[in-house]
Amino acid sequence: MSGPAHPEGVGREPIRVLIVDDHPVVRRGLRAMVDELPDVEAVGEAGDGAEALRLLDAGTRPDVVLMDLQMGAGMHGVEATRRITALPDPPAVLILTTYSTDADILAAVEAGATGYLLKDAPPEDVAAAVQASARGETVLAPPVAARLLGRVRSGRPVLSPRETEILGLLAEGLANKQISRRLFISEATVKTHLVHIYGKLGVDSRTAAIAAGLAGGLIRSV
């Protein structure tokens, strides 16, 4: 015969959260918010994606990773998300960032993020997103969902994550050889990607591709 049911919240394991952000003040604020939530606890902090991976390798076992996207010179959030979600039995990755371009959103989703929130979201929305992510649900901030829906309806060109990455490096002013070194691919592969980018955007030059990418929200202005 089964024992008595636990009252709400009693006997339940707390949701464990790892906070990844390169700003110490932001991490402190997020940790304070997380620790105030019922049935949720912060189990660690990291200043970039590489540090987050080291914590996971060392035995930190979060249910949800609260991940920023751009983290200075350290490993950015998309790459960290890609590596984390490739781990055996990975935690959910919930993006919490200030960036809402199509390129950022699509790259994060392609990398395996289960949710995408903006940092101006109310604390109660972040709390609900953490809990939903721990349940394996997808969570998108309303502005993010609207951008994705608008993109689908408009039929705008969709670049692959690698193509988006290369277009962003073009916007930074990198030459093909520099891009190949940055991404550890051959110059021939870079040129092939550029052909595909030009074709999807309907352009025939680097300058026009950058302009189209900026106008369409595919990349951020540098």
C-alpha atoms as a PDB file:
ATOM      1  CA  MET A   1       0.000   0.000   0.000  1.00  0.00           C
ATOM      2  CA  SER A   2       1.404   3.377  -0.914  1.00  0.00           C
ATOM      3  CA  GLY A   3       2.188   5.941   1.766  1.00  0.00           C
ATOM      4  CA  PRO A   4       0.467   9.291   2.140  1.00  0.00           C
ATOM      5  CA  ALA A   5       0.995  11.771  -0.667  1.00  0.00           C
ATOM      6  CA  HIS A   6       3.451  14.560  -0.002  1.00  0.00           C
ATOM      7  CA  PRO A   7       1.923  17.988   0.460  1.00  0.00           C
ATOM      8  CA  GLU A   8       2.698  20.429  -2.356  1.00  0.00           C
ATOM      9  CA  GLY A   9       6.449  21.172  -2.399  1.00  0.00           C
ATOM     10  CA  VAL A  10       7.282  18.708   0.393  1.00  0.00           C
ATOM     11  CA  GLY A  11       9.726  15.930  -0.448  1.00  0.00           C
ATOM     12  CA  ARG A  12      10.367  17.319  -3.904  1.00  0.00           C
ATOM     13  CA  GLU A  13      13.946  17.678  -5.116  1.00  0.00           C
ATOM     14  CA  PRO A  14      14.728  21.324  -5.888  1.00  0.00           C
ATOM     15  CA  ILE A  15      15.443  22.332  -9.476  1.00  0.00           C
ATOM     16  CA  ARG A  16      19.208  22.882  -9.715  1.00  0.00           C
ATOM     17  CA  VAL A  17      20.330  25.880 -11.764  1.00  0.00           C
ATOM     18  CA  LEU A  18      23.786  26.800 -13.106  1.00  0.00           C
ATOM     19  CA  ILE A  19      24.134  30.515 -13.947  1.00  0.00           C
ATOM     20  CA  VAL A  20      26.437  31.478 -16.848  1.00  0.00           C
ATOM     21  CA  ASP A  21      27.078  35.194 -17.442  1.00  0.00           C
ATOM     22  CA  ASP A  22      30.260  37.233 -17.806  1.00  0.00           C
ATOM     23  CA  HIS A  23      29.077  40.092 -15.563  1.00  0.00           C
ATOM     24  CA  PRO A  24      29.576  39.380 -11.830  1.00  0.00           C
ATOM     25  CA  VAL A  25      26.860  41.841 -10.822  1.00  0.00           C
ATOM     26  CA  VAL A  26      24.366  40.166 -13.159  1.00  0.00           C
ATOM     27  CA  ARG A  27      25.311  36.721 -11.847  1.00  0.00           C
ATOM     28  CA  ARG A  28      24.859  37.937  -8.272  1.00  0.00           C
ATOM     29  CA  GLY A  29      21.430  39.313  -9.080  1.00  0.00           C
ATOM     30  CA  LEU A  30      20.373  36.165 -10.899  1.00  0.00           C
ATOM     31  CA  ARG A  31      21.595  33.994  -8.055  1.00  0.00           C
ATOM     32  CA  ALA A  32      19.651  36.043  -5.521  1.00  0.00           C
ATOM     33  CA  MET A  33      16.532  35.725  -7.661  1.00  0.00           C
ATOM     34  CA  VAL A  34      16.982  31.995  -8.175  1.00  0.00           C
ATOM     35  CA  ASP A  35      17.608  31.318  -4.498  1.00  0.00           C
ATOM     36  CA  GLU A  36      14.372  33.109  -3.591  1.00  0.00           C
ATOM     37  CA  LEU A  37      12.291  30.817  -5.785  1.00  0.00           C
ATOM     38  CA  PRO A  38      10.474  27.907  -4.159  1.00  0.00           C
ATOM     39  CA  ASP A  39      11.882  24.496  -5.070  1.00  0.00           C
ATOM     40  CA  VAL A  40      14.805  26.035  -7.000  1.00  0.00           C
ATOM     41  CA  GLU A  41      18.456  26.412  -5.995  1.00  0.00           C
ATOM     42  CA  ALA A  42      21.581  27.784  -7.670  1.00  0.00           C
ATOM     43  CA  VAL A  43      24.332  25.161  -7.736  1.00  0.00           C
ATOM     44  CA  GLY A  44      27.054  27.214  -9.391  1.00  0.00           C
ATOM     45  CA  GLU A  45      28.127  30.221 -11.446  1.00  0.00           C
ATOM     46  CA  ALA A  46      30.375  30.556 -14.491  1.00  0.00           C
ATOM     47  CA  GLY A  47      31.797  33.571 -16.307  1.00  0.00           C
ATOM     48  CA  ASP A  48      31.715  31.972 -19.772  1.00  0.00           C
ATOM     49  CA  GLY A  49      30.894  28.775 -21.598  1.00  0.00           C
ATOM     50  CA  ALA A  50      34.277  27.148 -21.038  1.00  0.00           C
ATOM     51  CA  GLU A  51      34.006  27.619 -17.281  1.00  0.00           C
ATOM     52  CA  ALA A  52      30.489  26.169 -17.357  1.00  0.00           C
ATOM     53  CA  LEU A  53      31.781  23.073 -19.139  1.00  0.00           C
ATOM     54  CA  ARG A  54      34.578  22.719 -16.572  1.00  0.00           C
ATOM     55  CA  LEU A  55      32.021  22.826 -13.762  1.00  0.00           C
ATOM     56  CA  LEU A  56      29.962  20.140 -15.477  1.00  0.00           C
ATOM     57  CA  ASP A  57      33.072  18.005 -15.994  1.00  0.00           C
ATOM     58  CA  ALA A  58      33.913  18.450 -12.306  1.00  0.00           C
ATOM     59  CA  GLY A  59      30.579  17.039 -11.226  1.00  0.00           C
ATOM     60  CA  THR A  60      28.165  19.971 -11.018  1.00  0.00           C
ATOM     61  CA  ARG A  61      24.781  18.538 -12.023  1.00  0.00           C
ATOM     62  CA  PRO A  62      22.226  21.234 -12.816  1.00  0.00           C
ATOM     63  CA  ASP A  63      18.779  20.572 -14.222  1.00  0.00           C
ATOM     64  CA  VAL A  64      18.815  23.917 -16.031  1.00  0.00           C
ATOM     65  CA  VAL A  65      21.681  26.085 -17.303  1.00  0.00           C
ATOM     66  CA  LEU A  66      20.727  29.771 -17.402  1.00  0.00           C
ATOM     67  CA  MET A  67      22.956  30.930 -20.267  1.00  0.00           C
ATOM     68  CA  ASP A  68      23.966  34.363 -21.578  1.00  0.00           C
ATOM     69  CA  LEU A  69      24.927  34.609 -25.266  1.00  0.00           C
ATOM     70  CA  GLN A  70      27.840  37.034 -25.621  1.00  0.00           C
ATOM     71  CA  MET A  71      30.501  36.712 -22.913  1.00  0.00           C
ATOM     72  CA  GLY A  72      33.475  38.891 -23.786  1.00  0.00           C
ATOM     73  CA  ALA A  73      36.491  36.985 -25.009  1.00  0.00           C
ATOM     74  CA  GLY A  74      35.292  33.731 -23.432  1.00  0.00           C
ATOM     75  CA  MET A  75      33.338  30.917 -25.080  1.00  0.00           C
ATOM     76  CA  HIS A  76      30.013  32.362 -26.203  1.00  0.00           C
ATOM     77  CA  GLY A  77      26.637  30.951 -25.304  1.00  0.00           C
ATOM     78  CA  VAL A  78      25.779  29.278 -28.602  1.00  0.00           C
ATOM     79  CA  GLU A  79      28.960  27.197 -28.669  1.00  0.00           C
ATOM     80  CA  ALA A  80      28.571  26.358 -24.985  1.00  0.00           C
ATOM     81  CA  THR A  81      24.958  25.336 -25.586  1.00  0.00           C
ATOM     82  CA  ARG A  82      26.007  23.121 -28.473  1.00  0.00           C
ATOM     83  CA  ARG A  83      28.616  21.363 -26.340  1.00  0.00           C
ATOM     84  CA  ILE A  84      26.394  21.028 -23.288  1.00  0.00           C
ATOM     85  CA  THR A  85      23.457  19.564 -25.188  1.00  0.00           C
ATOM     86  CA  ALA A  86      25.835  17.031 -26.784  1.00  0.00           C
ATOM     87  CA  LEU A  87      26.714  15.620 -23.365  1.00  0.00           C
ATOM     88  CA  PRO A  88      25.120  12.379 -22.110  1.00  0.00           C
ATOM     89  CA  ASP A  89      21.930  13.201 -20.188  1.00  0.00           C
ATOM     90  CA  PRO A  90      22.428  16.952 -20.602  1.00  0.00           C
ATOM     91  CA  PRO A  91      20.674  19.663 -18.597  1.00  0.00           C
ATOM     92  CA  ALA A  92      18.214  21.979 -20.299  1.00  0.00           C
ATOM     93  CA  VAL A  93      19.779  25.225 -21.536  1.00  0.00           C
ATOM     94  CA  LEU A  94      17.685  28.363 -21.131  1.00  0.00           C
ATOM     95  CA  ILE A  95      19.092  31.432 -22.900  1.00  0.00           C
ATOM     96  CA  LEU A  96      18.776  34.705 -20.971  1.00  0.00           C
ATOM     97  CA  THR A  97      20.230  37.570 -23.000  1.00  0.00           C
ATOM     98  CA  THR A  98      19.782  41.098 -24.302  1.00  0.00           C
ATOM     99  CA  TYR A  99      20.085  40.011 -27.945  1.00  0.00           C
ATOM    100  CA  SER A 100      16.980  39.329 -30.027  1.00  0.00           C
ATOM    101  CA  THR A 101      18.166  39.239 -33.657  1.00  0.00           C
ATOM    102  CA  ASP A 102      17.080  36.385 -35.906  1.00  0.00           C
ATOM    103  CA  ALA A 103      20.687  35.214 -36.082  1.00  0.00           C
ATOM    104  CA  ASP A 104      21.030  34.919 -32.301  1.00  0.00           C
ATOM    105  CA  ILE A 105      17.673  33.223 -31.837  1.00  0.00           C
ATOM    106  CA  LEU A 106      18.110  30.725 -34.661  1.00  0.00           C
ATOM    107  CA  ALA A 107      21.681  29.885 -33.670  1.00  0.00           C
ATOM    108  CA  ALA A 108      20.658  29.221 -30.069  1.00  0.00           C
ATOM    109  CA  VAL A 109      17.698  27.052 -31.065  1.00  0.00           C
ATOM    110  CA  GLU A 110      19.836  25.148 -33.585  1.00  0.00           C
ATOM    111  CA  ALA A 111      22.414  24.564 -30.833  1.00  0.00           C
ATOM    112  CA  GLY A 112      19.773  22.876 -28.680  1.00  0.00           C
ATOM    113  CA  ALA A 113      18.501  25.586 -26.323  1.00  0.00           C
ATOM    114  CA  THR A 114      15.082  24.726 -24.881  1.00  0.00           C
ATOM    115  CA  GLY A 115      14.193  28.348 -24.232  1.00  0.00           C
ATOM    116  CA  TYR A 116      15.069  31.938 -25.074  1.00  0.00           C
ATOM    117  CA  LEU A 117      14.305  34.877 -22.774  1.00  0.00           C
ATOM    118  CA  LEU A 118      15.344  38.514 -22.801  1.00  0.00           C
ATOM    119  CA  LYS A 119      16.913  40.100 -19.746  1.00  0.00           C
ATOM    120  CA  ASP A 120      14.110  42.620 -19.406  1.00  0.00           C
ATOM    121  CA  ALA A 121      11.688  39.778 -18.626  1.00  0.00           C
ATOM    122  CA  PRO A 122       9.949  40.061 -15.221  1.00  0.00           C
ATOM    123  CA  PRO A 123      11.388  37.782 -12.512  1.00  0.00           C
ATOM    124  CA  GLU A 124       8.176  35.756 -12.426  1.00  0.00           C
ATOM    125  CA  ASP A 125       8.563  34.995 -16.147  1.00  0.00           C
ATOM    126  CA  VAL A 126      12.151  33.841 -15.598  1.00  0.00           C
ATOM    127  CA  ALA A 127      10.998  31.661 -12.705  1.00  0.00           C
ATOM    128  CA  ALA A 128       8.241  30.095 -14.810  1.00  0.00           C
ATOM    129  CA  ALA A 129      10.707  29.515 -17.669  1.00  0.00           C
ATOM    130  CA  VAL A 130      13.200  27.770 -15.370  1.00  0.00           C
ATOM    131  CA  GLN A 131      10.479  25.458 -14.097  1.00  0.00           C
ATOM    132  CA  ALA A 132       9.166  24.771 -17.610  1.00  0.00           C
ATOM    133  CA  SER A 133      12.690  24.069 -18.913  1.00  0.00           C
ATOM    134  CA  ALA A 134      13.265  21.598 -16.078  1.00  0.00           C
ATOM    135  CA  ARG A 135      10.130  19.785 -17.267  1.00  0.00           C
ATOM    136  CA  GLY A 136      11.544  19.620 -20.787  1.00  0.00           C
ATOM    137  CA  GLU A 137       9.198  22.247 -22.218  1.00  0.00           C
ATOM    138  CA  THR A 138      10.140  24.894 -24.783  1.00  0.00           C
ATOM    139  CA  VAL A 139       9.938  28.492 -23.587  1.00  0.00           C
ATOM    140  CA  LEU A 140      10.146  31.560 -25.832  1.00  0.00           C
ATOM    141  CA  ALA A 141       9.732  35.156 -24.738  1.00  0.00           C
ATOM    142  CA  PRO A 142       6.792  36.769 -26.603  1.00  0.00           C
ATOM    143  CA  PRO A 143       9.070  39.080 -28.670  1.00  0.00           C
ATOM    144  CA  VAL A 144      11.237  36.091 -29.622  1.00  0.00           C
ATOM    145  CA  ALA A 145       8.241  33.965 -30.598  1.00  0.00           C
ATOM    146  CA  ALA A 146       6.884  36.879 -32.638  1.00  0.00           C
ATOM    147  CA  ARG A 147      10.182  37.242 -34.525  1.00  0.00           C
ATOM    148  CA  LEU A 148      10.302  33.534 -35.353  1.00  0.00           C
ATOM    149  CA  LEU A 149       6.665  33.497 -36.457  1.00  0.00           C
ATOM    150  CA  GLY A 150       7.174  36.625 -38.544  1.00  0.00           C
ATOM    151  CA  ARG A 151      10.202  35.062 -40.170  1.00  0.00           C
ATOM    152  CA  VAL A 152       8.264  31.949 -41.130  1.00  0.00           C
ATOM    153  CA  ARG A 153       5.355  33.981 -42.498  1.00  0.00           C
ATOM    154  CA  SER A 154       7.530  36.414 -44.437  1.00  0.00           C
ATOM    155  CA  GLY A 155       9.484  33.722 -46.220  1.00  0.00           C
ATOM    156  CA  ARG A 156      12.752  35.533 -45.524  1.00  0.00           C
ATOM    157  CA  PRO A 157      15.917  33.561 -46.338  1.00  0.00           C
ATOM    158  CA  VAL A 158      17.127  31.253 -43.598  1.00  0.00           C
ATOM    159  CA  LEU A 159      20.877  30.855 -43.279  1.00  0.00           C
ATOM    160  CA  SER A 160      22.366  27.853 -41.531  1.00  0.00           C
ATOM    161  CA  PRO A 161      24.152  28.499 -38.214  1.00  0.00           C
ATOM    162  CA  ARG A 162      27.532  28.217 -40.003  1.00  0.00           C
ATOM    163  CA  GLU A 163      26.438  30.579 -42.775  1.00  0.00           C
ATOM    164  CA  THR A 164      25.188  33.060 -40.178  1.00  0.00           C
ATOM    165  CA  GLU A 165      28.492  32.787 -38.345  1.00  0.00           C
ATOM    166  CA  ILE A 166      30.458  33.482 -41.521  1.00  0.00           C
ATOM    167  CA  LEU A 167      28.228  36.420 -42.433  1.00  0.00           C
ATOM    168  CA  GLY A 168      28.840  37.865 -38.979  1.00  0.00           C
ATOM    169  CA  LEU A 169      32.594  37.523 -39.451  1.00  0.00           C
ATOM    170  CA  LEU A 170      32.289  39.259 -42.821  1.00  0.00           C
ATOM    171  CA  ALA A 171      30.599  42.131 -41.022  1.00  0.00           C
ATOM    172  CA  GLU A 172      33.557  42.275 -38.637  1.00  0.00           C
ATOM    173  CA  GLY A 173      35.799  42.856 -41.676  1.00  0.00           C
ATOM    174  CA  LEU A 174      37.549  39.475 -41.734  1.00  0.00           C
ATOM    175  CA  ALA A 175      38.998  38.184 -44.990  1.00  0.00           C
ATOM    176  CA  ASN A 176      38.438  34.612 -46.168  1.00  0.00           C
ATOM    177  CA  LYS A 177      41.786  33.446 -44.811  1.00  0.00           C
ATOM    178  CA  GLN A 178      41.042  34.975 -41.394  1.00  0.00           C
ATOM    179  CA  ILE A 179      37.597  33.353 -41.334  1.00  0.00           C
ATOM    180  CA  SER A 180      39.089  29.969 -42.188  1.00  0.00           C
ATOM    181  CA  ARG A 181      41.562  30.287 -39.324  1.00  0.00           C
ATOM    182  CA  ARG A 182      38.912  31.473 -36.883  1.00  0.00           C
ATOM    183  CA  LEU A 183      36.559  28.581 -37.718  1.00  0.00           C
ATOM    184  CA  PHE A 184      39.237  25.931 -38.390  1.00  0.00           C
ATOM    185  CA  ILE A 185      37.949  25.273 -41.907  1.00  0.00           C
ATOM    186  CA  SER A 186      39.615  25.602 -45.317  1.00  0.00           C
ATOM    187  CA  GLU A 187      39.413  28.726 -47.459  1.00  0.00           C
ATOM    188  CA  ALA A 188      37.664  26.631 -50.102  1.00  0.00           C
ATOM    189  CA  THR A 189      34.952  25.780 -47.581  1.00  0.00           C
ATOM    190  CA  VAL A 190      34.588  29.458 -46.696  1.00  0.00           C
ATOM    191  CA  LYS A 191      34.156  30.297 -50.394  1.00  0.00           C
ATOM    192  CA  THR A 192      31.529  27.567 -50.780  1.00  0.00           C
ATOM    193  CA  HIS A 193      29.576  28.964 -47.835  1.00  0.00           C
ATOM    194  CA  LEU A 194      29.811  32.452 -49.351  1.00  0.00           C
ATOM    195  CA  VAL A 195      28.337  31.190 -52.610  1.00  0.00           C
ATOM    196  CA  HIS A 196      25.394  29.755 -50.657  1.00  0.00           C
ATOM    197  CA  ILE A 197      25.001  32.965 -48.621  1.00  0.00           C
ATOM    198  CA  TYR A 198      25.016  35.149 -51.732  1.00  0.00           C
ATOM    199  CA  GLY A 199      22.471  32.890 -53.396  1.00  0.00           C
ATOM    200  CA  LYS A 200      20.078  32.883 -50.434  1.00  0.00           C
ATOM    201  CA  LEU A 201      20.318  36.649 -49.980  1.00  0.00           C
ATOM    202  CA  GLY A 202      20.156  37.410 -53.707  1.00  0.00           C
ATOM    203  CA  VAL A 203      23.399  39.426 -53.705  1.00  0.00           C
ATOM    204  CA  ASP A 204      26.742  39.229 -55.487  1.00  0.00           C
ATOM    205  CA  SER A 205      29.234  40.894 -53.153  1.00  0.00           C
ATOM    206  CA  ARG A 206      30.444  40.882 -49.564  1.00  0.00           C
ATOM    207  CA  THR A 207      29.225  44.422 -48.982  1.00  0.00           C
ATOM    208  CA  ALA A 208      25.748  43.635 -50.302  1.00  0.00           C
ATOM    209  CA  ALA A 209      25.590  40.447 -48.216  1.00  0.00           C
ATOM    210  CA  ILE A 210      26.467  42.372 -45.049  1.00  0.00           C
ATOM    211  CA  ALA A 211      23.892  45.062 -45.867  1.00  0.00           C
ATOM    212  CA  ALA A 212      21.202  42.437 -46.522  1.00  0.00           C
ATOM    213  CA  GLY A 213      22.091  40.587 -43.337  1.00  0.00           C
ATOM    214  CA  LEU A 214      21.838  43.744 -41.238  1.00  0.00           C
ATOM    215  CA  ALA A 215      18.601  44.865 -42.895  1.00  0.00           C
ATOM    216  CA  GLY A 216      17.017  41.463 -42.388  1.00  0.00           C
ATOM    217  CA  GLY A 217      18.111  41.125 -38.768  1.00  0.00           C
ATOM    218  CA  LEU A 218      20.260  38.101 -39.611  1.00  0.00           C
ATOM    219  CA  ILE A 219      23.319  39.626 -37.928  1.00  0.00           C
ATOM    220  CA  ARG A 220      23.989  42.419 -35.456  1.00  0.00           C
ATOM    221  CA  SER A 221      25.759  45.641 -36.360  1.00  0.00           C
ATOM    222  CA  VAL A 222      29.348  45.557 -35.150  1.00  0.00           C
END
